[in-house]
PDB file of N, CA and C in Angstrom:
ATOM      1  N   UNK A   1     120.025 113.512 102.074  1.00  0.00           N
ATOM      2  CA  UNK A   1     121.240 114.048 102.199  1.00  0.00           C
ATOM      3  C   UNK A   1     121.938 114.175 101.457  1.00  0.00           C
ATOM      4  N   UNK A   2     122.573 114.963 100.684  1.00  0.00           N
ATOM      5  CA  UNK A   2     123.634 114.868  99.531  1.00  0.00           C
ATOM      6  C   UNK A   2     125.242 115.350  99.706  1.00  0.00           C
ATOM      7  N   UNK A   3     126.137 114.830  99.617  1.00  0.00           N
ATOM      8  CA  UNK A   3     127.721 115.158  99.438  1.00  0.00           C
ATOM      9  C   UNK A   3     128.174 114.471 100.663  1.00  0.00           C
ATOM     10  N   UNK A   4     129.148 115.671 101.524  1.00  0.00           N
ATOM     11  CA  UNK A   4     129.717 114.776 102.540  1.00  0.00           C
ATOM     12  C   UNK A   4     128.758 114.191 103.456  1.00  0.00           C
ATOM     13  N   UNK A   5     127.638 114.541 104.024  1.00  0.00           N
ATOM     14  CA  UNK A   5     126.895 114.181 104.958  1.00  0.00           C
ATOM     15  C   UNK A   5     125.592 113.254 104.956  1.00  0.00           C
ATOM     16  N   UNK A   6     125.968 112.524 103.403  1.00  0.00           N
ATOM     17  CA  UNK A   6     125.010 111.957 103.008  1.00  0.00           C
ATOM     18  C   UNK A   6     124.984 110.288 103.539  1.00  0.00           C
ATOM     19  N   UNK A   7     123.725 109.813 103.391  1.00  0.00           N
ATOM     20  CA  UNK A   7     123.930 108.441 103.846  1.00  0.00           C
ATOM     21  C   UNK A   7     124.836 107.407 103.790  1.00  0.00           C
ATOM     22  N   UNK A   8     125.167 107.434 102.195  1.00  0.00           N
ATOM     23  CA  UNK A   8     125.924 106.374 102.026  1.00  0.00           C
ATOM     24  C   UNK A   8     127.300 106.579 102.665  1.00  0.00           C
ATOM     25  N   UNK A   9     127.929 108.311 102.702  1.00  0.00           N
ATOM     26  CA  UNK A   9     128.916 108.284 103.033  1.00  0.00           C
ATOM     27  C   UNK A   9     129.144 107.807 104.698  1.00  0.00           C
ATOM     28  N   UNK A  10     127.891 107.903 105.060  1.00  0.00           N
ATOM     29  CA  UNK A  10     128.202 107.477 106.688  1.00  0.00           C
ATOM     30  C   UNK A  10     127.813 106.344 106.805  1.00  0.00           C
ATOM     31  N   UNK A  11     127.473 105.579 106.117  1.00  0.00           N
ATOM     32  CA  UNK A  11     127.532 103.795 106.121  1.00  0.00           C
ATOM     33  C   UNK A  11     125.769 103.381 106.974  1.00  0.00           C
ATOM     34  N   UNK A  12     124.876 104.392 106.800  1.00  0.00           N
ATOM     35  CA  UNK A  12     123.964 103.977 107.393  1.00  0.00           C
ATOM     36  C   UNK A  12     122.547 103.464 106.068  1.00  0.00           C
ATOM     37  N   UNK A  13     121.488 102.634 106.686  1.00  0.00           N
ATOM     38  CA  UNK A  13     120.814 102.314 106.231  1.00  0.00           C
ATOM     39  C   UNK A  13     120.030 103.492 105.513  1.00  0.00           C
ATOM     40  N   UNK A  14     119.551 103.533 104.704  1.00  0.00           N
ATOM     41  CA  UNK A  14     118.812 104.971 104.141  1.00  0.00           C
ATOM     42  C   UNK A  14     117.075 105.015 105.336  1.00  0.00           C
ATOM     43  N   UNK A  15     116.716 104.138 105.753  1.00  0.00           N
ATOM     44  CA  UNK A  15     115.345 104.622 106.678  1.00  0.00           C
ATOM     45  C   UNK A  15     116.320 104.825 108.103  1.00  0.00           C
ATOM     46  N   UNK A  16     117.026 104.456 108.383  1.00  0.00           N
ATOM     47  CA  UNK A  16     117.668 105.137 109.888  1.00  0.00           C
ATOM     48  C   UNK A  16     117.613 106.691 109.356  1.00  0.00           C
ATOM     49  N   UNK A  17     117.689 106.996 110.974  1.00  0.00           N
ATOM     50  CA  UNK A  17     117.423 108.386 111.272  1.00  0.00           C
ATOM     51  C   UNK A  17     118.654 108.744 111.494  1.00  0.00           C
ATOM     52  N   UNK A  18     119.164 109.903 110.690  1.00  0.00           N
ATOM     53  CA  UNK A  18     120.789 110.567 110.765  1.00  0.00           C
ATOM     54  C   UNK A  18     120.553 111.937 111.072  1.00  0.00           C
ATOM     55  N   UNK A  19     121.218 112.722 112.084  1.00  0.00           N
ATOM     56  CA  UNK A  19     121.458 113.918 112.207  1.00  0.00           C
ATOM     57  C   UNK A  19     121.690 114.434 110.965  1.00  0.00           C
ATOM     58  N   UNK A  20     120.789 115.918 110.720  1.00  0.00           N
ATOM     59  CA  UNK A  20     121.180 116.712 109.449  1.00  0.00           C
ATOM     60  C   UNK A  20     122.225 117.231 109.895  1.00  0.00           C
ATOM     61  N   UNK A  21     123.349 117.973 109.007  1.00  0.00           N
ATOM     62  CA  UNK A  21     123.868 118.420 109.377  1.00  0.00           C
ATOM     63  C   UNK A  21     123.625 120.008 109.334  1.00  0.00           C
ATOM     64  N   UNK A  22     124.518 121.198 109.798  1.00  0.00           N
ATOM     65  CA  UNK A  22     123.713 122.252 110.338  1.00  0.00           C
ATOM     66  C   UNK A  22     123.232 123.089 108.842  1.00  0.00           C
ATOM     67  N   UNK A  23     124.260 122.965 107.579  1.00  0.00           N
ATOM     68  CA  UNK A  23     123.918 123.486 106.537  1.00  0.00           C
ATOM     69  C   UNK A  23     122.447 122.869 106.390  1.00  0.00           C
ATOM     70  N   UNK A  24     121.841 121.530 106.337  1.00  0.00           N
ATOM     71  CA  UNK A  24     120.905 121.266 105.964  1.00  0.00           C
ATOM     72  C   UNK A  24     119.690 121.626 106.825  1.00  0.00           C
ATOM     73  N   UNK A  25     119.778 122.198 107.891  1.00  0.00           N
ATOM     74  CA  UNK A  25     118.599 122.141 108.760  1.00  0.00           C
ATOM     75  C   UNK A  25     118.244 124.267 108.267  1.00  0.00           C
ATOM     76  N   UNK A  26     118.587 124.969 107.636  1.00  0.00           N
ATOM     77  CA  UNK A  26     118.232 125.628 106.686  1.00  0.00           C
ATOM     78  C   UNK A  26     117.284 125.813 106.003  1.00  0.00           C
ATOM     79  N   UNK A  27     116.407 126.332 105.889  1.00  0.00           N
ATOM     80  CA  UNK A  27     115.268 125.990 104.858  1.00  0.00           C
ATOM     81  C   UNK A  27     115.493 126.433 103.734  1.00  0.00           C
ATOM     82  N   UNK A  28     114.773 125.871 102.685  1.00  0.00           N
ATOM     83  CA  UNK A  28     114.879 126.521 101.245  1.00  0.00           C
ATOM     84  C   UNK A  28     113.898 127.648 101.279  1.00  0.00           C
ATOM     85  N   UNK A  29     113.978 128.969 100.716  1.00  0.00           N
ATOM     86  CA  UNK A  29     113.190 129.684 100.303  1.00  0.00           C
ATOM     87  C   UNK A  29     112.350 129.360  99.389  1.00  0.00           C
ATOM     88  N   UNK A  30     111.145 129.227  99.567  1.00  0.00           N
ATOM     89  CA  UNK A  30     110.535 129.072  98.249  1.00  0.00           C
ATOM     90  C   UNK A  30     110.212 130.143  97.250  1.00  0.00           C
ATOM     91  N   UNK A  31     110.433 130.030  96.072  1.00  0.00           N
ATOM     92  CA  UNK A  31     110.601 130.871  95.155  1.00  0.00           C
ATOM     93  C   UNK A  31     109.647 130.691  94.065  1.00  0.00           C
ATOM     94  N   UNK A  32     109.001 132.043  93.181  1.00  0.00           N
ATOM     95  CA  UNK A  32     108.485 131.380  92.098  1.00  0.00           C
ATOM     96  C   UNK A  32     109.272 130.320  91.468  1.00  0.00           C
ATOM     97  N   UNK A  33     110.326 130.693  90.986  1.00  0.00           N
ATOM     98  CA  UNK A  33     111.402 130.145  90.286  1.00  0.00           C
ATOM     99  C   UNK A  33     111.632 128.656  90.575  1.00  0.00           C
ATOM    100  N   UNK A  34     111.722 128.430  91.965  1.00  0.00           N
ATOM    101  CA  UNK A  34     111.701 127.047  92.161  1.00  0.00           C
ATOM    102  C   UNK A  34     110.596 126.121  91.804  1.00  0.00           C
ATOM    103  N   UNK A  35     109.287 126.792  92.027  1.00  0.00           N
ATOM    104  CA  UNK A  35     108.296 126.156  91.789  1.00  0.00           C
ATOM    105  C   UNK A  35     108.005 125.558  90.741  1.00  0.00           C
ATOM    106  N   UNK A  36     108.327 126.264  89.896  1.00  0.00           N
ATOM    107  CA  UNK A  36     108.328 126.139  88.491  1.00  0.00           C
ATOM    108  C   UNK A  36     108.993 124.928  87.954  1.00  0.00           C
ATOM    109  N   UNK A  37     110.419 125.447  88.273  1.00  0.00           N
ATOM    110  CA  UNK A  37     111.023 124.431  87.974  1.00  0.00           C
ATOM    111  C   UNK A  37     110.681 122.853  88.373  1.00  0.00           C
ATOM    112  N   UNK A  38     110.141 122.970  89.819  1.00  0.00           N
ATOM    113  CA  UNK A  38     109.945 121.815  90.766  1.00  0.00           C
ATOM    114  C   UNK A  38     108.644 120.841  89.863  1.00  0.00           C
ATOM    115  N   UNK A  39     108.305 121.695  89.516  1.00  0.00           N
ATOM    116  CA  UNK A  39     106.506 121.428  88.547  1.00  0.00           C
ATOM    117  C   UNK A  39     107.004 120.721  87.071  1.00  0.00           C
ATOM    118  N   UNK A  40     107.574 121.417  86.437  1.00  0.00           N
ATOM    119  CA  UNK A  40     108.717 121.202  85.254  1.00  0.00           C
ATOM    120  C   UNK A  40     109.112 119.707  85.364  1.00  0.00           C
ATOM    121  N   UNK A  41     109.799 119.547  86.732  1.00  0.00           N
ATOM    122  CA  UNK A  41     110.829 118.417  87.208  1.00  0.00           C
ATOM    123  C   UNK A  41     109.578 117.041  87.390  1.00  0.00           C
ATOM    124  N   UNK A  42     108.755 117.414  88.031  1.00  0.00           N
ATOM    125  CA  UNK A  42     107.415 116.551  88.097  1.00  0.00           C
ATOM    126  C   UNK A  42     106.278 116.103  86.816  1.00  0.00           C
ATOM    127  N   UNK A  43     106.610 117.199  85.790  1.00  0.00           N
ATOM    128  CA  UNK A  43     106.006 116.430  84.812  1.00  0.00           C
ATOM    129  C   UNK A  43     107.081 116.009  83.612  1.00  0.00           C
ATOM    130  N   UNK A  44     108.247 115.849  83.680  1.00  0.00           N
ATOM    131  CA  UNK A  44     109.254 115.409  83.137  1.00  0.00           C
ATOM    132  C   UNK A  44     109.298 114.002  83.701  1.00  0.00           C
ATOM    133  N   UNK A  45     109.172 113.457  85.032  1.00  0.00           N
ATOM    134  CA  UNK A  45     109.188 112.401  85.593  1.00  0.00           C
ATOM    135  C   UNK A  45     107.920 111.938  85.314  1.00  0.00           C
ATOM    136  N   UNK A  46     106.542 111.979  85.240  1.00  0.00           N
ATOM    137  CA  UNK A  46     105.789 111.259  84.636  1.00  0.00           C
ATOM    138  C   UNK A  46     105.361 111.220  83.518  1.00  0.00           C
ATOM    139  N   UNK A  47     106.053 112.365  82.459  1.00  0.00           N
ATOM    140  CA  UNK A  47     106.140 111.735  80.978  1.00  0.00           C
ATOM    141  C   UNK A  47     107.591 110.676  80.725  1.00  0.00           C
ATOM    142  N   UNK A  48     108.516 110.299  81.570  1.00  0.00           N
ATOM    143  CA  UNK A  48     108.935 109.446  81.905  1.00  0.00           C
ATOM    144  C   UNK A  48     108.416 107.860  82.281  1.00  0.00           C
ATOM    145  N   UNK A  49     107.729 107.981  83.202  1.00  0.00           N
ATOM    146  CA  UNK A  49     106.863 107.089  83.435  1.00  0.00           C
ATOM    147  C   UNK A  49     105.937 106.388  82.196  1.00  0.00           C
ATOM    148  N   UNK A  50     104.964 107.626  81.211  1.00  0.00           N
ATOM    149  CA  UNK A  50     104.362 107.604  80.797  1.00  0.00           C
ATOM    150  C   UNK A  50     104.979 106.559  79.625  1.00  0.00           C
ATOM    151  N   UNK A  51     106.193 106.890  79.168  1.00  0.00           N
ATOM    152  CA  UNK A  51     106.912 106.321  77.722  1.00  0.00           C
ATOM    153  C   UNK A  51     107.393 104.632  78.430  1.00  0.00           C
ATOM    154  N   UNK A  52     107.524 104.766  79.747  1.00  0.00           N
ATOM    155  CA  UNK A  52     107.777 103.114  79.997  1.00  0.00           C
ATOM    156  C   UNK A  52     106.706 102.121  79.836  1.00  0.00           C
ATOM    157  N   UNK A  53     105.785 103.204  80.308  1.00  0.00           N
ATOM    158  CA  UNK A  53     104.278 102.271  80.216  1.00  0.00           C
ATOM    159  C   UNK A  53     103.528 101.927  78.789  1.00  0.00           C
ATOM    160  N   UNK A  54     103.891 102.619  77.798  1.00  0.00           N
ATOM    161  CA  UNK A  54     103.407 102.578  76.367  1.00  0.00           C
ATOM    162  C   UNK A  54     104.506 101.993  75.798  1.00  0.00           C
ATOM    163  N   UNK A  55     105.956 101.991  76.488  1.00  0.00           N
ATOM    164  CA  UNK A  55     107.029 100.972  75.279  1.00  0.00           C
ATOM    165  C   UNK A  55     107.687 101.588  74.529  1.00  0.00           C
ATOM    166  N   UNK A  56     107.427 103.158  74.823  1.00  0.00           N
ATOM    167  CA  UNK A  56     108.284 104.160  73.583  1.00  0.00           C
ATOM    168  C   UNK A  56     109.649 104.390  74.061  1.00  0.00           C
ATOM    169  N   UNK A  57     110.858 103.869  73.731  1.00  0.00           N
ATOM    170  CA  UNK A  57     111.920 103.792  73.839  1.00  0.00           C
ATOM    171  C   UNK A  57     112.611 105.798  73.892  1.00  0.00           C
ATOM    172  N   UNK A  58     112.139 105.899  72.680  1.00  0.00           N
ATOM    173  CA  UNK A  58     112.787 106.946  72.057  1.00  0.00           C
ATOM    174  C   UNK A  58     112.076 107.425  73.133  1.00  0.00           C
ATOM    175  N   UNK A  59     110.723 107.711  73.248  1.00  0.00           N
ATOM    176  CA  UNK A  59     109.835 109.018  73.786  1.00  0.00           C
ATOM    177  C   UNK A  59     110.917 109.127  75.520  1.00  0.00           C
ATOM    178  N   UNK A  60     111.219 107.919  75.760  1.00  0.00           N
ATOM    179  CA  UNK A  60     111.885 107.650  77.402  1.00  0.00           C
ATOM    180  C   UNK A  60     113.220 108.076  77.050  1.00  0.00           C
ATOM    181  N   UNK A  61     114.138 108.138  76.309  1.00  0.00           N
ATOM    182  CA  UNK A  61     115.418 108.865  76.285  1.00  0.00           C
ATOM    183  C   UNK A  61     115.095 110.162  75.775  1.00  0.00           C
ATOM    184  N   UNK A  62     114.227 110.744  75.049  1.00  0.00           N
ATOM    185  CA  UNK A  62     113.895 112.191  75.541  1.00  0.00           C
ATOM    186  C   UNK A  62     113.328 112.779  76.659  1.00  0.00           C
ATOM    187  N   UNK A  63     112.542 112.455  77.410  1.00  0.00           N
ATOM    188  CA  UNK A  63     112.005 112.470  78.631  1.00  0.00           C
ATOM    189  C   UNK A  63     112.761 112.808  79.964  1.00  0.00           C
ATOM    190  N   UNK A  64     113.570 111.297  79.886  1.00  0.00           N
ATOM    191  CA  UNK A  64     114.917 111.316  80.951  1.00  0.00           C
ATOM    192  C   UNK A  64     116.101 112.392  80.491  1.00  0.00           C
ATOM    193  N   UNK A  65     116.393 112.596  79.303  1.00  0.00           N
ATOM    194  CA  UNK A  65     117.019 113.679  78.886  1.00  0.00           C
ATOM    195  C   UNK A  65     116.561 115.481  79.513  1.00  0.00           C
ATOM    196  N   UNK A  66     115.206 115.633  79.155  1.00  0.00           N
ATOM    197  CA  UNK A  66     114.658 116.825  79.807  1.00  0.00           C
ATOM    198  C   UNK A  66     114.669 116.597  81.262  1.00  0.00           C
ATOM    199  N   UNK A  67     114.232 115.317  82.083  1.00  0.00           N
ATOM    200  CA  UNK A  67     114.562 115.325  83.489  1.00  0.00           C
ATOM    201  C   UNK A  67     115.559 115.764  84.162  1.00  0.00           C
ATOM    202  N   UNK A  68     116.588 115.243  83.279  1.00  0.00           N
ATOM    203  CA  UNK A  68     118.035 115.712  84.089  1.00  0.00           C
ATOM    204  C   UNK A  68     118.733 117.017  83.823  1.00  0.00           C
ATOM    205  N   UNK A  69     117.915 117.489  82.880  1.00  0.00           N
ATOM    206  CA  UNK A  69     118.121 119.196  82.763  1.00  0.00           C
ATOM    207  C   UNK A  69     117.297 120.079  83.761  1.00  0.00           C
ATOM    208  N   UNK A  70     116.302 119.505  84.124  1.00  0.00           N
ATOM    209  CA  UNK A  70     115.347 120.205  85.011  1.00  0.00           C
ATOM    210  C   UNK A  70     115.935 119.965  85.903  1.00  0.00           C
ATOM    211  N   UNK A  71     116.299 118.687  86.400  1.00  0.00           N
ATOM    212  CA  UNK A  71     117.005 118.935  87.943  1.00  0.00           C
ATOM    213  C   UNK A  71     118.051 119.176  88.130  1.00  0.00           C
ATOM    214  N   UNK A  72     118.822 119.044  87.061  1.00  0.00           N
ATOM    215  CA  UNK A  72     120.212 120.351  87.504  1.00  0.00           C
ATOM    216  C   UNK A  72     120.038 121.476  86.963  1.00  0.00           C
ATOM    217  N   UNK A  73     119.012 122.069  86.958  1.00  0.00           N
ATOM    218  CA  UNK A  73     118.312 123.239  86.640  1.00  0.00           C
ATOM    219  C   UNK A  73     117.951 123.773  88.656  1.00  0.00           C
ATOM    220  N   UNK A  74     117.051 122.606  88.866  1.00  0.00           N
ATOM    221  CA  UNK A  74     116.623 123.093  90.172  1.00  0.00           C
ATOM    222  C   UNK A  74     118.134 122.906  91.388  1.00  0.00           C
ATOM    223  N   UNK A  75     118.677 121.530  91.120  1.00  0.00           N
ATOM    224  CA  UNK A  75     120.030 121.987  91.777  1.00  0.00           C
ATOM    225  C   UNK A  75     120.665 123.342  92.167  1.00  0.00           C
ATOM    226  N   UNK A  76     121.003 123.952  90.818  1.00  0.00           N
ATOM    227  CA  UNK A  76     121.608 124.979  90.541  1.00  0.00           C
ATOM    228  C   UNK A  76     120.728 126.024  91.068  1.00  0.00           C
ATOM    229  N   UNK A  77     119.771 126.510  90.998  1.00  0.00           N
ATOM    230  CA  UNK A  77     118.261 127.101  91.811  1.00  0.00           C
ATOM    231  C   UNK A  77     118.756 127.115  93.112  1.00  0.00           C
ATOM    232  N   UNK A  78     118.804 126.089  94.067  1.00  0.00           N
ATOM    233  CA  UNK A  78     118.669 125.690  95.505  1.00  0.00           C
ATOM    234  C   UNK A  78     120.378 125.932  96.039  1.00  0.00           C
ATOM    235  N   UNK A  79     121.299 126.444  94.947  1.00  0.00           N
ATOM    236  CA  UNK A  79     122.467 126.188  95.497  1.00  0.00           C
ATOM    237  C   UNK A  79     123.375 125.205  95.400  1.00  0.00           C
ATOM    238  N   UNK A  80     122.867 123.750  95.230  1.00  0.00           N
ATOM    239  CA  UNK A  80     123.703 122.536  94.778  1.00  0.00           C
ATOM    240  C   UNK A  80     124.088 122.416  93.833  1.00  0.00           C
ATOM    241  N   UNK A  81     125.987 121.997  93.985  1.00  0.00           N
ATOM    242  CA  UNK A  81     126.644 121.620  93.281  1.00  0.00           C
ATOM    243  C   UNK A  81     126.322 120.235  92.549  1.00  0.00           C
ATOM    244  N   UNK A  82     126.013 120.485  91.299  1.00  0.00           N
ATOM    245  CA  UNK A  82     126.199 118.993  90.699  1.00  0.00           C
ATOM    246  C   UNK A  82     127.142 117.709  91.297  1.00  0.00           C
ATOM    247  N   UNK A  83     128.274 118.100  91.821  1.00  0.00           N
ATOM    248  CA  UNK A  83     129.501 117.702  91.599  1.00  0.00           C
ATOM    249  C   UNK A  83     129.132 116.692  93.264  1.00  0.00           C
ATOM    250  N   UNK A  84     128.534 117.355  94.148  1.00  0.00           N
ATOM    251  CA  UNK A  84     127.954 116.772  95.207  1.00  0.00           C
ATOM    252  C   UNK A  84     126.898 115.469  95.177  1.00  0.00           C
ATOM    253  N   UNK A  85     125.935 115.658  94.118  1.00  0.00           N
ATOM    254  CA  UNK A  85     125.152 114.462  93.731  1.00  0.00           C
ATOM    255  C   UNK A  85     125.858 113.273  93.357  1.00  0.00           C
ATOM    256  N   UNK A  86     126.473 113.724  92.094  1.00  0.00           N
ATOM    257  CA  UNK A  86     127.279 112.494  91.039  1.00  0.00           C
ATOM    258  C   UNK A  86     128.339 111.925  92.266  1.00  0.00           C
ATOM    259  N   UNK A  87     128.977 112.534  93.325  1.00  0.00           N
ATOM    260  CA  UNK A  87     130.002 112.114  93.955  1.00  0.00           C
ATOM    261  C   UNK A  87     128.818 111.146  95.190  1.00  0.00           C
ATOM    262  N   UNK A  88     127.859 111.598  95.568  1.00  0.00           N
ATOM    263  CA  UNK A  88     127.117 110.807  96.767  1.00  0.00           C
ATOM    264  C   UNK A  88     126.477 109.195  95.815  1.00  0.00           C
ATOM    265  N   UNK A  89     126.132 109.943  94.327  1.00  0.00           N
ATOM    266  CA  UNK A  89     125.461 107.912  93.442  1.00  0.00           C
ATOM    267  C   UNK A  89     127.038 107.084  93.624  1.00  0.00           C
ATOM    268  N   UNK A  90     128.199 108.317  93.442  1.00  0.00           N
ATOM    269  CA  UNK A  90     129.179 107.249  93.152  1.00  0.00           C
ATOM    270  C   UNK A  90     129.347 106.269  94.635  1.00  0.00           C
ATOM    271  N   UNK A  91     129.365 107.048  95.437  1.00  0.00           N
ATOM    272  CA  UNK A  91     129.666 106.633  97.154  1.00  0.00           C
ATOM    273  C   UNK A  91     128.582 105.436  96.863  1.00  0.00           C
ATOM    274  N   UNK A  92     127.147 105.544  96.461  1.00  0.00           N
ATOM    275  CA  UNK A  92     126.362 104.370  96.766  1.00  0.00           C
ATOM    276  C   UNK A  92     126.738 103.185  95.608  1.00  0.00           C
ATOM    277  N   UNK A  93     127.097 103.652  94.558  1.00  0.00           N
ATOM    278  CA  UNK A  93     127.679 102.289  93.646  1.00  0.00           C
ATOM    279  C   UNK A  93     128.839 101.678  94.521  1.00  0.00           C
ATOM    280  N   UNK A  94     129.403 102.506  94.228  1.00  0.00           N
ATOM    281  CA  UNK A  94     131.160 101.576  95.275  1.00  0.00           C
ATOM    282  C   UNK A  94     130.694 100.650  96.574  1.00  0.00           C
ATOM    283  N   UNK A  95     129.058 101.280  96.931  1.00  0.00           N
ATOM    284  CA  UNK A  95     129.340 100.601  98.330  1.00  0.00           C
ATOM    285  C   UNK A  95     128.346  98.876  98.194  1.00  0.00           C
ATOM    286  N   UNK A  96     127.906  99.500  96.702  1.00  0.00           N
ATOM    287  CA  UNK A  96     126.782  97.979  96.596  1.00  0.00           C
ATOM    288  C   UNK A  96     127.775  97.021  95.645  1.00  0.00           C
ATOM    289  N   UNK A  97     128.619  97.688  95.347  1.00  0.00           N
ATOM    290  CA  UNK A  97     130.130  96.857  94.426  1.00  0.00           C
ATOM    291  C   UNK A  97     130.896  95.993  95.530  1.00  0.00           C
ATOM    292  N   UNK A  98     131.056  96.615  96.734  1.00  0.00           N
ATOM    293  CA  UNK A  98     131.645  96.539  97.776  1.00  0.00           C
ATOM    294  C   UNK A  98     130.741  94.958  98.778  1.00  0.00           C
ATOM    295  N   UNK A  99     129.417  95.281  98.387  1.00  0.00           N
ATOM    296  CA  UNK A  99     128.495  94.773  99.409  1.00  0.00           C
ATOM    297  C   UNK A  99     128.390  93.347  98.201  1.00  0.00           C
ATOM    298  N   UNK A 100     128.462  93.423  97.000  1.00  0.00           N
ATOM    299  CA  UNK A 100     128.558  92.543  95.857  1.00  0.00           C
ATOM    300  C   UNK A 100     129.760  91.639  96.098  1.00  0.00           C
ATOM    301  N   UNK A 101     130.489  91.889  95.969  1.00  0.00           N
ATOM    302  CA  UNK A 101     131.934  91.121  96.147  1.00  0.00           C
ATOM    303  C   UNK A 101     131.784  90.508  97.491  1.00  0.00           C
ATOM    304  N   UNK A 102     131.254  90.921  98.530  1.00  0.00           N
ATOM    305  CA  UNK A 102     132.061  90.192  99.609  1.00  0.00           C
ATOM    306  C   UNK A 102     129.989  89.458 100.071  1.00  0.00           C
ATOM    307  N   UNK A 103     129.561  88.988  98.881  1.00  0.00           N
ATOM    308  CA  UNK A 103     128.966  88.216  98.997  1.00  0.00           C
ATOM    309  C   UNK A 103     127.404  88.810  99.302  1.00  0.00           C
ATOM    310  N   UNK A 104     127.290  89.646  99.775  1.00  0.00           N
ATOM    311  CA  UNK A 104     125.698  89.894  99.810  1.00  0.00           C
ATOM    312  C   UNK A 104     124.697  90.354  99.086  1.00  0.00           C
ATOM    313  N   UNK A 105     124.016  90.002  98.549  1.00  0.00           N
ATOM    314  CA  UNK A 105     123.393  90.307  97.400  1.00  0.00           C
ATOM    315  C   UNK A 105     121.903  90.524  98.176  1.00  0.00           C
ATOM    316  N   UNK A 106     121.112  91.478  96.911  1.00  0.00           N
ATOM    317  CA  UNK A 106     119.390  91.626  97.325  1.00  0.00           C
ATOM    318  C   UNK A 106     118.903  90.614  97.277  1.00  0.00           C
ATOM    319  N   UNK A 107     118.337  90.548  98.127  1.00  0.00           N
ATOM    320  CA  UNK A 107     116.972  89.687  98.279  1.00  0.00           C
ATOM    321  C   UNK A 107     115.818  90.185  96.963  1.00  0.00           C
ATOM    322  N   UNK A 108     114.625  89.717  96.495  1.00  0.00           N
ATOM    323  CA  UNK A 108     113.565  89.729  96.084  1.00  0.00           C
ATOM    324  C   UNK A 108     113.114  91.145  96.590  1.00  0.00           C
ATOM    325  N   UNK A 109     112.969  92.032  95.783  1.00  0.00           N
ATOM    326  CA  UNK A 109     112.167  93.676  96.229  1.00  0.00           C
ATOM    327  C   UNK A 109     113.289  94.340  96.817  1.00  0.00           C
ATOM    328  N   UNK A 110     115.022  93.896  96.748  1.00  0.00           N
ATOM    329  CA  UNK A 110     115.733  94.946  96.668  1.00  0.00           C
ATOM    330  C   UNK A 110     116.391  95.098  98.065  1.00  0.00           C
ATOM    331  N   UNK A 111     115.780  94.310  98.741  1.00  0.00           N
ATOM    332  CA  UNK A 111     116.230  94.358 100.205  1.00  0.00           C
ATOM    333  C   UNK A 111     117.988  93.904 100.598  1.00  0.00           C
ATOM    334  N   UNK A 112     118.649  93.848 101.022  1.00  0.00           N
ATOM    335  CA  UNK A 112     119.912  93.497 101.196  1.00  0.00           C
ATOM    336  C   UNK A 112     119.819  92.663 102.429  1.00  0.00           C
ATOM    337  N   UNK A 113     120.708  91.982 102.851  1.00  0.00           N
ATOM    338  CA  UNK A 113     121.007  90.939 104.066  1.00  0.00           C
ATOM    339  C   UNK A 113     121.790  91.419 104.951  1.00  0.00           C
ATOM    340  N   UNK A 114     121.614  92.970 105.050  1.00  0.00           N
ATOM    341  CA  UNK A 114     122.815  93.253 105.347  1.00  0.00           C
ATOM    342  C   UNK A 114     122.188  94.802 106.580  1.00  0.00           C
ATOM    343  N   UNK A 115     122.680  95.439 106.873  1.00  0.00           N
ATOM    344  CA  UNK A 115     122.128  96.739 107.688  1.00  0.00           C
ATOM    345  C   UNK A 115     123.058  97.895 106.933  1.00  0.00           C
ATOM    346  N   UNK A 116     124.046  97.067 106.103  1.00  0.00           N
ATOM    347  CA  UNK A 116     125.013  98.375 105.929  1.00  0.00           C
ATOM    348  C   UNK A 116     124.963  98.709 104.180  1.00  0.00           C
ATOM    349  N   UNK A 117     123.718  99.377 104.012  1.00  0.00           N
ATOM    350  CA  UNK A 117     123.188  99.428 102.678  1.00  0.00           C
ATOM    351  C   UNK A 117     123.604 100.705 102.533  1.00  0.00           C
ATOM    352  N   UNK A 118     123.906 100.876 100.734  1.00  0.00           N
ATOM    353  CA  UNK A 118     123.900 102.438  99.999  1.00  0.00           C
ATOM    354  C   UNK A 118     122.612 103.525 100.343  1.00  0.00           C
TER     355      UNK A 118
END
């Protein structure tokens, strides 16, 4: 979930079950445009991985930019305001910083020693 009802703002671990907001229960209508955008997004993600594997910094920068452009197009096609996504990300970063400030550090593998996760 993204926005005000997101996991980070609710203070829940990402694996906990959270009741979705009413607007989240409305399924997206699958359209040809969205399918094409999703395919392009997946291709950009795969190309990012490829450039990491072949250690191509320039290629990774270019494909990362392409990925973000495609992601923002997909958000727009689905009626999501990018500010909601960036606010969710900011809240997760704030919570992670708060956990670190309180001495709660991730273990090997990224697991935290707390149930209050970003």
